Amino acid sequence: MSIVVTYLAYLLISVGLTVLAGQVLSRSGRIFLAEALGGSDRAANDRAARGITSLIVVSFYLLSLGVIVLTMRIPSNSVSAVHATQLLATKVGVVLLVLGGLYLAGIIALTRLRRRFKAQGQSVPQAALWRPPADRAAR
């Protein structure tokens, strides 16, 4: 098994898993936060939930892809098929553990935000976060 094939397989598997987990986090997180924000201004709450979720998902992608790139290097230039398969399995396993940990951290962050919003009884004031800077300065 060529070293290039091993690199490509690692990249395809790792990036694919990262994108899949990020999409699930984004979709679930948006629904989760929109429900937590509640209130009468549904459009503003949806925008706020989308914005907060986007921030969390971008950090998830950056951290995940950083780990993928850092763990990409394979120690030797020539490897046997068995050695390449073992390296690939080990590296994908590390990526899966990191993705699981980051996904869990994202869920914990979303849960804390949800609790905070519920505890404050905050619904409509959240829309104030999305006002243009000129409106904030006028206050």
Protein backbone atom coordinates (compact mmCIF):
# COMPACT_ATOMS: atom_id res chain seq x y z
CA MET A 1 0.00 0.00 0.00
CA SER A 2 1.51 3.28 -1.06
CA ILE A 3 2.11 6.01 1.51
CA VAL A 4 0.17 8.44 -0.71
CA VAL A 5 -2.86 6.13 -0.72
CA THR A 6 -2.68 5.96 3.08
CA TYR A 7 -2.55 9.77 3.34
CA LEU A 8 -5.48 10.16 0.96
CA ALA A 9 -7.56 7.53 2.74
CA TYR A 10 -6.85 9.19 6.09
CA LEU A 11 -7.81 12.62 4.78
CA LEU A 12 -11.00 11.41 3.10
CA ILE A 13 -12.19 9.42 6.10
CA SER A 14 -11.26 12.08 8.68
CA VAL A 15 -12.60 15.10 6.83
CA GLY A 16 -15.77 13.19 5.91
CA LEU A 17 -16.41 12.26 9.53
CA THR A 18 -15.69 15.83 10.63
CA VAL A 19 -18.15 17.32 8.13
CA LEU A 20 -20.82 14.78 9.07
CA ALA A 21 -20.45 15.47 12.80
CA GLY A 22 -20.39 19.24 12.20
CA GLN A 23 -23.63 19.13 10.19
CA VAL A 24 -25.37 17.14 12.91
CA LEU A 25 -24.10 19.55 15.57
CA SER A 26 -25.26 22.54 13.53
CA ARG A 27 -28.73 21.20 12.81
CA SER A 28 -29.39 19.90 16.31
CA GLY A 29 -27.84 22.90 18.02
CA ARG A 30 -29.94 25.38 16.07
CA ILE A 31 -33.17 23.58 16.96
CA PHE A 32 -32.04 23.22 20.57
CA LEU A 33 -31.24 26.94 20.98
CA ALA A 34 -34.28 28.19 19.05
CA GLU A 35 -36.48 26.26 21.50
CA ALA A 36 -34.52 27.61 24.47
CA LEU A 37 -34.86 31.21 23.29
CA GLY A 38 -38.62 30.90 22.86
CA GLY A 39 -40.49 34.19 22.92
CA SER A 40 -42.74 36.02 20.50
CA ASP A 41 -40.14 37.21 17.98
CA ARG A 42 -39.53 33.88 16.29
CA ALA A 43 -37.45 35.31 13.42
CA ALA A 44 -35.03 37.07 15.77
CA ASN A 45 -34.72 33.97 17.94
CA ASP A 46 -34.01 31.84 14.88
CA ARG A 47 -31.30 34.29 13.74
CA ALA A 48 -29.76 34.30 17.22
CA ALA A 49 -29.82 30.49 17.41
CA ARG A 50 -28.29 30.24 13.92
CA GLY A 51 -25.54 32.70 14.83
CA ILE A 52 -24.61 31.06 18.12
CA THR A 53 -24.65 27.60 16.54
CA SER A 54 -22.47 28.80 13.66
CA LEU A 55 -19.85 30.07 16.09
CA ILE A 56 -19.76 26.74 17.91
CA VAL A 57 -19.64 24.71 14.67
CA VAL A 58 -16.82 26.81 13.20
CA SER A 59 -14.73 26.25 16.33
CA PHE A 60 -15.58 22.54 16.10
CA TYR A 61 -14.34 22.44 12.49
CA LEU A 62 -11.16 24.39 13.22
CA LEU A 63 -10.19 22.21 16.18
CA SER A 64 -11.06 18.98 14.38
CA LEU A 65 -9.24 19.84 11.18
CA GLY A 66 -6.25 21.05 13.20
CA VAL A 67 -5.99 17.66 14.89
CA ILE A 68 -6.34 15.91 11.53
CA VAL A 69 -3.51 17.92 10.02
CA LEU A 70 -1.25 17.52 13.07
CA THR A 71 -1.72 13.75 13.18
CA MET A 72 -1.36 13.27 9.44
CA ARG A 73 2.38 12.63 9.31
CA ILE A 74 3.35 8.98 8.99
CA PRO A 75 6.75 8.18 10.53
CA SER A 76 8.39 6.43 7.57
CA ASN A 77 8.32 6.78 3.80
CA SER A 78 7.91 3.10 2.97
CA VAL A 79 5.32 1.01 4.75
CA SER A 80 3.86 -2.40 4.13
CA ALA A 81 0.14 -2.84 3.53
CA VAL A 82 -0.35 -4.20 7.05
CA HIS A 83 1.60 -1.34 8.63
CA ALA A 84 -0.29 1.24 6.54
CA THR A 85 -3.64 -0.27 7.57
CA GLN A 86 -2.63 -0.23 11.24
CA LEU A 87 -1.48 3.39 11.00
CA LEU A 88 -4.67 4.38 9.23
CA ALA A 89 -6.83 2.66 11.84
CA THR A 90 -4.89 4.28 14.69
CA LYS A 91 -5.08 7.75 13.17
CA VAL A 92 -8.79 7.47 12.35
CA GLY A 93 -9.36 6.21 15.90
CA VAL A 94 -7.63 9.30 17.31
CA VAL A 95 -9.76 11.52 15.07
CA LEU A 96 -12.93 9.75 16.21
CA LEU A 97 -11.99 10.26 19.87
CA VAL A 98 -11.25 13.94 19.26
CA LEU A 99 -14.49 14.39 17.28
CA GLY A 100 -16.44 12.74 20.07
CA GLY A 101 -14.83 14.98 22.68
CA LEU A 102 -15.38 18.14 20.64
CA TYR A 103 -18.96 17.16 19.85
CA LEU A 104 -19.56 16.61 23.56
CA ALA A 105 -18.00 20.00 24.34
CA GLY A 106 -20.32 21.61 21.77
CA ILE A 107 -23.37 19.96 23.32
CA ILE A 108 -22.25 21.07 26.80
CA ALA A 109 -21.82 24.65 25.54
CA LEU A 110 -25.28 24.59 23.96
CA THR A 111 -26.81 23.13 27.13
CA ARG A 112 -25.23 25.83 29.30
CA LEU A 113 -26.52 28.54 26.98
CA ARG A 114 -29.96 27.00 27.05
CA ARG A 115 -29.99 26.86 30.85
CA ARG A 116 -28.81 30.46 31.07
CA PHE A 117 -31.52 31.65 28.69
CA LYS A 118 -34.20 29.68 30.55
CA ALA A 119 -33.00 30.91 33.97
CA GLN A 120 -33.08 34.53 32.83
CA GLY A 121 -36.49 34.08 31.26
CA GLN A 122 -34.90 35.66 28.23
CA SER A 123 -36.79 35.62 24.98
CA VAL A 124 -37.23 38.98 23.27
CA PRO A 125 -34.13 40.73 24.75
CA GLN A 126 -31.93 38.27 22.86
CA ALA A 127 -32.95 40.06 19.65
CA ALA A 128 -31.05 43.11 20.90
CA LEU A 129 -27.81 41.27 20.21
CA TRP A 130 -28.54 41.46 16.50
CA ARG A 131 -29.14 45.18 16.22
CA PRO A 132 -26.72 47.21 14.13
CA PRO A 133 -23.94 48.93 16.12
CA ALA A 134 -25.53 52.37 15.60
CA ASP A 135 -28.64 51.25 17.49
CA ARG A 136 -26.58 50.01 20.42
CA ALA A 137 -24.69 53.29 20.67
CA ALA A 138 -27.95 55.25 20.80
CA ARG A 139 -28.97 53.56 24.04
